[in-house]
Protein backbone atom coordinates (compact mmCIF):
# COMPACT_ATOMS: atom_id res chain seq x y z
CA MET A 1 22.96 -4.14 19.46
CA GLN A 2 19.38 -4.86 18.38
CA PRO A 3 17.34 -1.85 17.22
CA GLN A 4 14.41 -1.09 19.48
CA ARG A 5 10.93 -1.51 18.11
CA ARG A 6 9.09 1.74 17.77
CA PRO A 7 5.80 2.33 19.65
CA LEU A 8 4.09 3.62 16.49
CA ILE A 9 4.72 0.37 14.66
CA ARG A 10 3.65 -1.76 17.62
CA ALA A 11 0.49 0.31 17.99
CA LEU A 12 -0.85 -0.68 14.57
CA ALA A 13 -3.55 -3.31 14.57
CA PHE A 14 -4.09 -5.78 11.74
CA ASP A 15 -7.60 -4.40 11.15
CA GLU A 16 -6.33 -0.81 10.94
CA VAL A 17 -3.89 -1.84 8.24
CA GLY A 18 -6.65 -3.67 6.39
CA ALA A 19 -8.82 -0.56 6.51
CA ALA A 20 -5.96 1.54 5.11
CA ILE A 21 -5.45 -0.97 2.30
CA GLY A 22 -9.16 -0.84 1.51
CA ARG A 23 -9.08 2.94 1.25
CA LEU A 24 -5.99 2.76 -0.96
CA VAL A 25 -7.61 0.17 -3.24
CA ASP A 26 -10.63 2.46 -3.56
CA VAL A 27 -8.41 5.38 -4.60
CA ALA A 28 -6.36 3.24 -7.02
CA SER A 29 -9.61 2.00 -8.58
CA SER A 30 -10.90 5.53 -9.12
CA ASP A 31 -10.33 8.16 -11.77
CA THR A 32 -8.70 10.72 -9.48
CA GLY A 33 -5.33 12.28 -10.21
CA GLN A 34 -3.81 10.34 -7.34
CA ALA A 35 -5.09 6.94 -8.48
CA ALA A 36 -1.97 6.12 -10.53
CA ARG A 37 0.35 6.96 -7.63
CA VAL A 38 -1.62 4.82 -5.20
CA ALA A 39 -1.73 2.01 -7.75
CA ASP A 40 2.06 2.28 -8.08
CA PHE A 41 2.37 1.84 -4.31
CA LEU A 42 0.05 -1.14 -4.07
CA LEU A 43 1.38 -2.87 -7.16
CA ALA A 44 5.02 -2.37 -6.14
CA TRP A 45 4.17 -4.10 -2.87
CA TRP A 46 2.23 -6.83 -4.68
CA ASN A 47 5.11 -7.60 -7.10
CA GLY A 48 7.56 -4.81 -7.81
CA ASP A 49 9.64 -6.89 -10.22
CA ASP A 50 6.67 -7.29 -12.57
CA ASN A 51 4.62 -4.19 -11.75
CA GLY A 52 7.27 -1.53 -11.29
CA HIS A 53 8.47 0.24 -8.23
CA PHE A 54 7.11 3.08 -6.12
CA PRO A 55 8.94 6.42 -6.29
CA ILE A 56 9.08 7.62 -2.68
CA LEU A 57 8.35 11.19 -3.87
CA HIS A 58 4.81 10.01 -4.64
CA LEU A 59 4.15 10.30 -0.89
CA SER A 60 4.44 14.07 -1.14
CA ASN A 61 2.35 14.16 -4.32
CA CYS A 62 -0.74 12.72 -2.65
CA ASP A 63 -3.16 14.15 -0.12
CA ALA A 64 -1.90 13.75 3.44
CA ILE A 65 -4.62 11.22 4.34
CA ILE A 66 -3.70 9.01 1.40
CA SER A 67 0.01 9.26 2.21
CA GLU A 68 -0.75 8.37 5.83
CA ASP A 69 -2.54 5.22 4.67
CA MET A 70 0.56 4.27 2.66
CA LEU A 71 2.69 4.92 5.74
CA ILE A 72 0.41 2.72 7.83
CA VAL A 73 1.04 -0.13 5.40
CA MET A 74 4.78 0.55 5.39
CA ALA A 75 4.91 0.64 9.19
CA TRP A 76 3.14 -2.73 9.32
CA LEU A 77 5.61 -4.12 6.77
CA ALA A 78 8.45 -2.99 9.01
CA GLN A 79 7.25 -5.49 11.61
CA GLU A 80 5.70 -8.14 9.32
CA PRO A 81 7.73 -7.99 6.09
CA ALA A 82 6.46 -11.17 4.40
CA ILE A 83 2.79 -10.25 4.20
CA TYR A 84 0.74 -9.15 1.21
CA PRO A 85 -2.76 -7.76 0.58
CA ASP A 86 -4.03 -11.35 0.36
CA ALA A 87 -3.87 -11.53 4.16
CA TRP A 88 -6.67 -8.96 4.32
CA GLY A 89 -8.70 -10.48 1.49
CA TYR A 90 -7.58 -8.09 -1.26
CA ARG A 91 -6.15 -10.61 -3.73
CA ASP A 92 -8.94 -10.11 -6.29
CA ALA A 93 -8.70 -6.33 -5.93
CA MET A 94 -4.96 -6.49 -6.61
CA VAL A 95 -5.50 -8.62 -9.70
CA ASP A 96 -8.05 -6.04 -10.89
CA LEU A 97 -5.50 -3.25 -10.33
CA VAL A 98 -2.91 -5.11 -12.39
CA GLY A 99 -5.45 -5.33 -15.21
CA ARG A 100 -6.38 -1.68 -14.88
CA TRP A 101 -2.90 -0.18 -14.54
CA ARG A 102 -0.39 -2.61 -16.00
CA LEU A 103 -2.02 -4.66 -18.77
CA ARG A 104 -2.92 -1.77 -21.04
C-alpha cells in the first residue's frame, strides 16, 4: 500500500521554500547564538558526509520561526529528495557557509 501524500507537503510552493532557505542562510551567516545550529542544518543538507550531520534536537534549540523554516525545507525534501540549495540560487551562499563554519 502506497503512503498517502500529506496536504501540508503538497501545499508548499517552490518560492516559499526558497524564502525559508534565504532566511536560514541569513541566520547562519550572522553572529547569533543560533547561527551554528542553522549552519549545521544547511551544511548537512548540502553535503553531510563532508560537513557533518544535523542533530535533530537542534530544532528545539532554535526559535520557533527558525525551526519552522527548517521544517519547511524538510517537508519539501520529503516530496523532492534530490534537490539542493543550488535550485534556488544559493550555491555561492553555501560555499561561503562552508568557509565560515567548516574550514576554520
